[in-house]
Amino acid sequence: MTLLDLHEGDSAVIQSINMDHLPKQMLTELLELGFFPGAEIRLKTKSKYLGKLICSLGGTTIGLRMKDGEAILLKTK
């Protein structure tokens, strides 16, 4: 399951990040923002038209490209 599989308002726990789908710089940025295994994430908005995901992680709202959301593997709580 990836971040793209969540419905708006759903929460899950980050299991891992698929490093093969992200440039090294993006992986570093995600880790600095708190995208690490065990962190809880909630999808606030999914806009297929704009190709964006808005999620909440550790009290911070973060916008991601859908392409990057595919690399974030989740497990349900």
PDB file of N, CA and C in Angstrom:
ATOM      1  N   MET A   1       0.861  -1.173   0.000  1.00  0.00           N
ATOM      2  CA  MET A   1       0.000   0.000   0.000  1.00  0.00           C
ATOM      3  C   MET A   1       0.908   1.237   0.000  1.00  0.00           C
ATOM      4  N   THR A   2       0.565   2.227  -0.800  1.00  0.00           N
ATOM      5  CA  THR A   2       1.329   3.475  -0.848  1.00  0.00           C
ATOM      6  C   THR A   2       0.449   4.638  -0.401  1.00  0.00           C
ATOM      7  N   LEU A   3       1.060   5.797  -0.310  1.00  0.00           N
ATOM      8  CA  LEU A   3       0.320   7.000   0.066  1.00  0.00           C
ATOM      9  C   LEU A   3      -0.811   7.281  -0.919  1.00  0.00           C
ATOM     10  N   LEU A   4      -0.639   6.889  -2.167  1.00  0.00           N
ATOM     11  CA  LEU A   4      -1.689   7.095  -3.176  1.00  0.00           C
ATOM     12  C   LEU A   4      -2.932   6.253  -2.909  1.00  0.00           C
ATOM     13  N   ASP A   5      -2.777   5.161  -2.188  1.00  0.00           N
ATOM     14  CA  ASP A   5      -3.902   4.267  -1.914  1.00  0.00           C
ATOM     15  C   ASP A   5      -4.814   4.769  -0.799  1.00  0.00           C
ATOM     16  N   LEU A   6      -4.345   5.739  -0.016  1.00  0.00           N
ATOM     17  CA  LEU A   6      -5.173   6.279   1.069  1.00  0.00           C
ATOM     18  C   LEU A   6      -6.300   7.141   0.500  1.00  0.00           C
ATOM     19  N   HIS A   7      -7.411   7.165   1.217  1.00  0.00           N
ATOM     20  CA  HIS A   7      -8.510   8.068   0.896  1.00  0.00           C
ATOM     21  C   HIS A   7      -8.364   9.310   1.759  1.00  0.00           C
ATOM     22  N   GLU A   8      -8.917  10.401   1.319  1.00  0.00           N
ATOM     23  CA  GLU A   8      -8.841  11.645   2.091  1.00  0.00           C
ATOM     24  C   GLU A   8      -9.357  11.412   3.504  1.00  0.00           C
ATOM     25  N   GLY A   9      -8.585  11.853   4.492  1.00  0.00           N
ATOM     26  CA  GLY A   9      -8.945  11.694   5.887  1.00  0.00           C
ATOM     27  C   GLY A   9      -8.395  10.431   6.539  1.00  0.00           C
ATOM     28  N   ASP A  10      -7.898   9.478   5.735  1.00  0.00           N
ATOM     29  CA  ASP A  10      -7.349   8.233   6.275  1.00  0.00           C
ATOM     30  C   ASP A  10      -5.935   8.439   6.810  1.00  0.00           C
ATOM     31  N   SER A  11      -5.588   7.631   7.807  1.00  0.00           N
ATOM     32  CA  SER A  11      -4.246   7.648   8.384  1.00  0.00           C
ATOM     33  C   SER A  11      -3.612   6.281   8.253  1.00  0.00           C
ATOM     34  N   ALA A  12      -2.283   6.261   8.246  1.00  0.00           N
ATOM     35  CA  ALA A  12      -1.531   5.011   8.205  1.00  0.00           C
ATOM     36  C   ALA A  12      -0.152   5.280   8.796  1.00  0.00           C
ATOM     37  N   VAL A  13       0.626   4.229   8.900  1.00  0.00           N
ATOM     38  CA  VAL A  13       1.981   4.335   9.430  1.00  0.00           C
ATOM     39  C   VAL A  13       2.963   4.056   8.292  1.00  0.00           C
ATOM     40  N   ILE A  14       3.994   4.872   8.199  1.00  0.00           N
ATOM     41  CA  ILE A  14       5.002   4.682   7.159  1.00  0.00           C
ATOM     42  C   ILE A  14       5.787   3.412   7.471  1.00  0.00           C
ATOM     43  N   GLN A  15       5.825   2.514   6.506  1.00  0.00           N
ATOM     44  CA  GLN A  15       6.560   1.267   6.657  1.00  0.00           C
ATOM     45  C   GLN A  15       7.978   1.424   6.107  1.00  0.00           C
ATOM     46  N   SER A  16       8.092   2.038   4.919  1.00  0.00           N
ATOM     47  CA  SER A  16       9.400   2.261   4.303  1.00  0.00           C
ATOM     48  C   SER A  16       9.248   3.234   3.144  1.00  0.00           C
ATOM     49  N   ILE A  17      10.382   3.645   2.619  1.00  0.00           N
ATOM     50  CA  ILE A  17      10.399   4.505   1.436  1.00  0.00           C
ATOM     51  C   ILE A  17      11.177   3.770   0.359  1.00  0.00           C
ATOM     52  N   ASN A  18      10.570   3.628  -0.805  1.00  0.00           N
ATOM     53  CA  ASN A  18      11.217   2.943  -1.921  1.00  0.00           C
ATOM     54  C   ASN A  18      12.237   3.896  -2.546  1.00  0.00           C
ATOM     55  N   MET A  19      13.481   3.697  -2.224  1.00  0.00           N
ATOM     56  CA  MET A  19      14.538   4.609  -2.659  1.00  0.00           C
ATOM     57  C   MET A  19      14.801   4.541  -4.160  1.00  0.00           C
ATOM     58  N   ASP A  20      14.351   3.461  -4.806  1.00  0.00           N
ATOM     59  CA  ASP A  20      14.560   3.339  -6.248  1.00  0.00           C
ATOM     60  C   ASP A  20      13.676   4.290  -7.043  1.00  0.00           C
ATOM     61  N   HIS A  21      12.602   4.804  -6.430  1.00  0.00           N
ATOM     62  CA  HIS A  21      11.653   5.674  -7.119  1.00  0.00           C
ATOM     63  C   HIS A  21      11.912   7.163  -6.880  1.00  0.00           C
ATOM     64  N   LEU A  22      12.930   7.491  -6.088  1.00  0.00           N
ATOM     65  CA  LEU A  22      13.177   8.895  -5.740  1.00  0.00           C
ATOM     66  C   LEU A  22      14.623   9.282  -5.999  1.00  0.00           C
ATOM     67  N   PRO A  23      14.843  10.509  -6.447  1.00  0.00           N
ATOM     68  CA  PRO A  23      16.223  10.994  -6.505  1.00  0.00           C
ATOM     69  C   PRO A  23      16.771  11.118  -5.080  1.00  0.00           C
ATOM     70  N   LYS A  24      18.076  10.990  -4.931  1.00  0.00           N
ATOM     71  CA  LYS A  24      18.688  11.031  -3.604  1.00  0.00           C
ATOM     72  C   LYS A  24      18.344  12.315  -2.853  1.00  0.00           C
ATOM     73  N   GLN A  25      18.314  13.438  -3.550  1.00  0.00           N
ATOM     74  CA  GLN A  25      17.998  14.717  -2.907  1.00  0.00           C
ATOM     75  C   GLN A  25      16.576  14.712  -2.341  1.00  0.00           C
ATOM     76  N   MET A  26      15.622  14.141  -3.076  1.00  0.00           N
ATOM     77  CA  MET A  26      14.241  14.082  -2.595  1.00  0.00           C
ATOM     78  C   MET A  26      14.132  13.168  -1.387  1.00  0.00           C
ATOM     79  N   LEU A  27      14.843  12.046  -1.404  1.00  0.00           N
ATOM     80  CA  LEU A  27      14.848  11.139  -0.263  1.00  0.00           C
ATOM     81  C   LEU A  27      15.364  11.863   0.981  1.00  0.00           C
ATOM     82  N   THR A  28      16.423  12.620   0.834  1.00  0.00           N
ATOM     83  CA  THR A  28      16.974  13.388   1.952  1.00  0.00           C
ATOM     84  C   THR A  28      15.959  14.382   2.488  1.00  0.00           C
ATOM     85  N   GLU A  29      15.266  15.077   1.587  1.00  0.00           N
ATOM     86  CA  GLU A  29      14.260  16.062   2.001  1.00  0.00           C
ATOM     87  C   GLU A  29      13.111  15.392   2.759  1.00  0.00           C
ATOM     88  N   LEU A  30      12.660  14.242   2.273  1.00  0.00           N
ATOM     89  CA  LEU A  30      11.569  13.537   2.957  1.00  0.00           C
ATOM     90  C   LEU A  30      11.994  13.107   4.359  1.00  0.00           C
ATOM     91  N   LEU A  31      13.187  12.597   4.489  1.00  0.00           N
ATOM     92  CA  LEU A  31      13.673  12.189   5.806  1.00  0.00           C
ATOM     93  C   LEU A  31      13.788  13.392   6.744  1.00  0.00           C
ATOM     94  N   GLU A  32      14.234  14.523   6.238  1.00  0.00           N
ATOM     95  CA  GLU A  32      14.329  15.732   7.057  1.00  0.00           C
ATOM     96  C   GLU A  32      12.960  16.232   7.502  1.00  0.00           C
ATOM     97  N   LEU A  33      11.923  15.955   6.711  1.00  0.00           N
ATOM     98  CA  LEU A  33      10.563  16.357   7.053  1.00  0.00           C
ATOM     99  C   LEU A  33       9.884  15.369   8.011  1.00  0.00           C
ATOM    100  N   GLY A  34      10.521  14.237   8.279  1.00  0.00           N
ATOM    101  CA  GLY A  34       9.952  13.280   9.216  1.00  0.00           C
ATOM    102  C   GLY A  34       9.359  12.035   8.590  1.00  0.00           C
ATOM    103  N   PHE A  35       9.570  11.828   7.304  1.00  0.00           N
ATOM    104  CA  PHE A  35       9.066  10.636   6.620  1.00  0.00           C
ATOM    105  C   PHE A  35      10.012   9.470   6.910  1.00  0.00           C
ATOM    106  N   PHE A  36       9.809   8.836   8.056  1.00  0.00           N
ATOM    107  CA  PHE A  36      10.644   7.704   8.432  1.00  0.00           C
ATOM    108  C   PHE A  36       9.744   6.577   8.926  1.00  0.00           C
ATOM    109  N   PRO A  37      10.225   5.336   8.874  1.00  0.00           N
ATOM    110  CA  PRO A  37       9.403   4.207   9.310  1.00  0.00           C
ATOM    111  C   PRO A  37       8.892   4.394  10.732  1.00  0.00           C
ATOM    112  N   GLY A  38       7.591   4.118  10.903  1.00  0.00           N
ATOM    113  CA  GLY A  38       6.940   4.235  12.196  1.00  0.00           C
ATOM    114  C   GLY A  38       6.182   5.542  12.390  1.00  0.00           C
ATOM    115  N   ALA A  39       6.418   6.521  11.525  1.00  0.00           N
ATOM    116  CA  ALA A  39       5.716   7.806  11.633  1.00  0.00           C
ATOM    117  C   ALA A  39       4.293   7.669  11.102  1.00  0.00           C
ATOM    118  N   GLU A  40       3.350   8.322  11.788  1.00  0.00           N
ATOM    119  CA  GLU A  40       1.955   8.300  11.353  1.00  0.00           C
ATOM    120  C   GLU A  40       1.720   9.449  10.384  1.00  0.00           C
ATOM    121  N   ILE A  41       1.022   9.149   9.298  1.00  0.00           N
ATOM    122  CA  ILE A  41       0.729  10.146   8.277  1.00  0.00           C
ATOM    123  C   ILE A  41      -0.759  10.105   7.967  1.00  0.00           C
ATOM    124  N   ARG A  42      -1.328  11.280   7.689  1.00  0.00           N
ATOM    125  CA  ARG A  42      -2.765  11.368   7.349  1.00  0.00           C
ATOM    126  C   ARG A  42      -2.889  12.124   6.034  1.00  0.00           C
ATOM    127  N   LEU A  43      -3.642  11.570   5.106  1.00  0.00           N
ATOM    128  CA  LEU A  43      -3.890  12.231   3.826  1.00  0.00           C
ATOM    129  C   LEU A  43      -5.032  13.222   3.992  1.00  0.00           C
ATOM    130  N   LYS A  44      -4.757  14.483   3.751  1.00  0.00           N
ATOM    131  CA  LYS A  44      -5.790  15.515   3.880  1.00  0.00           C
ATOM    132  C   LYS A  44      -6.515  15.732   2.558  1.00  0.00           C
ATOM    133  N   THR A  45      -5.756  15.846   1.474  1.00  0.00           N
ATOM    134  CA  THR A  45      -6.345  16.135   0.164  1.00  0.00           C
ATOM    135  C   THR A  45      -5.570  15.411  -0.925  1.00  0.00           C
ATOM    136  N   LYS A  46      -6.309  14.902  -1.897  1.00  0.00           N
ATOM    137  CA  LYS A  46      -5.700  14.273  -3.069  1.00  0.00           C
ATOM    138  C   LYS A  46      -6.283  14.943  -4.305  1.00  0.00           C
ATOM    139  N   SER A  47      -5.434  15.596  -5.084  1.00  0.00           N
ATOM    140  CA  SER A  47      -5.893  16.278  -6.282  1.00  0.00           C
ATOM    141  C   SER A  47      -5.263  15.619  -7.506  1.00  0.00           C
ATOM    142  N   LYS A  48      -6.028  14.734  -8.151  1.00  0.00           N
ATOM    143  CA  LYS A  48      -5.511  14.069  -9.347  1.00  0.00           C
ATOM    144  C   LYS A  48      -5.307  15.073 -10.480  1.00  0.00           C
ATOM    145  N   TYR A  49      -6.152  16.083 -10.530  1.00  0.00           N
ATOM    146  CA  TYR A  49      -6.048  17.096 -11.574  1.00  0.00           C
ATOM    147  C   TYR A  49      -4.715  17.828 -11.494  1.00  0.00           C
ATOM    148  N   LEU A  50      -4.306  18.197 -10.284  1.00  0.00           N
ATOM    149  CA  LEU A  50      -3.041  18.906 -10.092  1.00  0.00           C
ATOM    150  C   LEU A  50      -1.864  17.965  -9.854  1.00  0.00           C
ATOM    151  N   GLY A  51      -2.156  16.686  -9.601  1.00  0.00           N
ATOM    152  CA  GLY A  51      -1.099  15.725  -9.336  1.00  0.00           C
ATOM    153  C   GLY A  51      -0.441  15.935  -7.986  1.00  0.00           C
ATOM    154  N   LYS A  52      -1.216  16.404  -7.010  1.00  0.00           N
ATOM    155  CA  LYS A  52      -0.665  16.734  -5.693  1.00  0.00           C
ATOM    156  C   LYS A  52      -1.368  15.984  -4.575  1.00  0.00           C
ATOM    157  N   LEU A  53      -0.624  15.742  -3.504  1.00  0.00           N
ATOM    158  CA  LEU A  53      -1.139  15.177  -2.264  1.00  0.00           C
ATOM    159  C   LEU A  53      -0.824  16.148  -1.142  1.00  0.00           C
ATOM    160  N   ILE A  54      -1.784  16.397  -0.275  1.00  0.00           N
ATOM    161  CA  ILE A  54      -1.557  17.212   0.916  1.00  0.00           C
ATOM    162  C   ILE A  54      -1.733  16.279   2.103  1.00  0.00           C
ATOM    163  N   CYS A  55      -0.708  16.179   2.922  1.00  0.00           N
ATOM    164  CA  CYS A  55      -0.772  15.269   4.058  1.00  0.00           C
ATOM    165  C   CYS A  55      -0.281  15.953   5.324  1.00  0.00           C
ATOM    166  N   SER A  56      -0.613  15.335   6.431  1.00  0.00           N
ATOM    167  CA  SER A  56      -0.227  15.839   7.744  1.00  0.00           C
ATOM    168  C   SER A  56       0.698  14.806   8.377  1.00  0.00           C
ATOM    169  N   LEU A  57       1.838  15.281   8.853  1.00  0.00           N
ATOM    170  CA  LEU A  57       2.843  14.408   9.436  1.00  0.00           C
ATOM    171  C   LEU A  57       3.502  15.129  10.592  1.00  0.00           C
ATOM    172  N   GLY A  58       3.339  14.609  11.780  1.00  0.00           N
ATOM    173  CA  GLY A  58       3.958  15.223  12.947  1.00  0.00           C
ATOM    174  C   GLY A  58       3.503  16.641  13.211  1.00  0.00           C
ATOM    175  N   GLY A  59       2.224  16.940  12.920  1.00  0.00           N
ATOM    176  CA  GLY A  59       1.685  18.266  13.156  1.00  0.00           C
ATOM    177  C   GLY A  59       1.986  19.271  12.058  1.00  0.00           C
ATOM    178  N   THR A  60       2.647  18.833  10.996  1.00  0.00           N
ATOM    179  CA  THR A  60       2.990  19.713   9.881  1.00  0.00           C
ATOM    180  C   THR A  60       2.223  19.284   8.639  1.00  0.00           C
ATOM    181  N   THR A  61       1.734  20.243   7.878  1.00  0.00           N
ATOM    182  CA  THR A  61       1.070  19.961   6.611  1.00  0.00           C
ATOM    183  C   THR A  61       2.095  20.052   5.495  1.00  0.00           C
ATOM    184  N   ILE A  62       2.144  19.013   4.670  1.00  0.00           N
ATOM    185  CA  ILE A  62       3.159  18.901   3.628  1.00  0.00           C
ATOM    186  C   ILE A  62       2.482  18.573   2.308  1.00  0.00           C
ATOM    187  N   GLY A  63       2.918  19.227   1.243  1.00  0.00           N
ATOM    188  CA  GLY A  63       2.434  18.935  -0.102  1.00  0.00           C
ATOM    189  C   GLY A  63       3.463  18.105  -0.852  1.00  0.00           C
ATOM    190  N   LEU A  64       2.989  17.070  -1.530  1.00  0.00           N
ATOM    191  CA  LEU A  64       3.862  16.185  -2.301  1.00  0.00           C
ATOM    192  C   LEU A  64       3.294  15.976  -3.691  1.00  0.00           C
ATOM    193  N   ARG A  65       4.164  15.660  -4.615  1.00  0.00           N
ATOM    194  CA  ARG A  65       3.709  15.225  -5.938  1.00  0.00           C
ATOM    195  C   ARG A  65       3.224  13.786  -5.816  1.00  0.00           C
ATOM    196  N   MET A  66       2.206  13.424  -6.577  1.00  0.00           N
ATOM    197  CA  MET A  66       1.689  12.059  -6.541  1.00  0.00           C
ATOM    198  C   MET A  66       2.789  11.060  -6.874  1.00  0.00           C
ATOM    199  N   LYS A  67       3.653  11.428  -7.791  1.00  0.00           N
ATOM    200  CA  LYS A  67       4.768  10.565  -8.187  1.00  0.00           C
ATOM    201  C   LYS A  67       5.628  10.209  -6.976  1.00  0.00           C
ATOM    202  N   ASP A  68       5.857  11.172  -6.095  1.00  0.00           N
ATOM    203  CA  ASP A  68       6.652  10.925  -4.890  1.00  0.00           C
ATOM    204  C   ASP A  68       5.866  10.107  -3.863  1.00  0.00           C
ATOM    205  N   GLY A  69       4.553  10.276  -3.831  1.00  0.00           N
ATOM    206  CA  GLY A  69       3.709   9.520  -2.920  1.00  0.00           C
ATOM    207  C   GLY A  69       3.710   8.020  -3.215  1.00  0.00           C
ATOM    208  N   GLU A  70       3.983   7.668  -4.468  1.00  0.00           N
ATOM    209  CA  GLU A  70       4.056   6.254  -4.844  1.00  0.00           C
ATOM    210  C   GLU A  70       5.223   5.543  -4.156  1.00  0.00           C
ATOM    211  N   ALA A  71       6.245   6.289  -3.768  1.00  0.00           N
ATOM    212  CA  ALA A  71       7.448   5.699  -3.167  1.00  0.00           C
ATOM    213  C   ALA A  71       7.309   5.515  -1.649  1.00  0.00           C
ATOM    214  N   ILE A  72       6.233   6.032  -1.057  1.00  0.00           N
ATOM    215  CA  ILE A  72       6.044   5.943   0.393  1.00  0.00           C
ATOM    216  C   ILE A  72       5.126   4.761   0.687  1.00  0.00           C
ATOM    217  N   LEU A  73       5.719   3.708   1.226  1.00  0.00           N
ATOM    218  CA  LEU A  73       4.984   2.475   1.507  1.00  0.00           C
ATOM    219  C   LEU A  73       4.421   2.536   2.919  1.00  0.00           C
ATOM    220  N   LEU A  74       3.151   2.141   3.049  1.00  0.00           N
ATOM    221  CA  LEU A  74       2.427   2.288   4.314  1.00  0.00           C
ATOM    222  C   LEU A  74       1.876   0.960   4.802  1.00  0.00           C
ATOM    223  N   LYS A  75       1.566   0.937   6.103  1.00  0.00           N
ATOM    224  CA  LYS A  75       0.782  -0.148   6.683  1.00  0.00           C
ATOM    225  C   LYS A  75      -0.326   0.495   7.492  1.00  0.00           C
ATOM    226  N   THR A  76      -1.482  -0.129   7.492  1.00  0.00           N
ATOM    227  CA  THR A  76      -2.603   0.440   8.237  1.00  0.00           C
ATOM    228  C   THR A  76      -2.359   0.259   9.722  1.00  0.00           C
ATOM    229  N   LYS A  77      -2.977   1.168  10.526  1.00  0.00           N
ATOM    230  CA  LYS A  77      -2.781   1.138  11.969  1.00  0.00           C
ATOM    231  C   LYS A  77      -3.496  -0.032  12.598  1.00  0.00           C
TER     232      LYS A  77
END
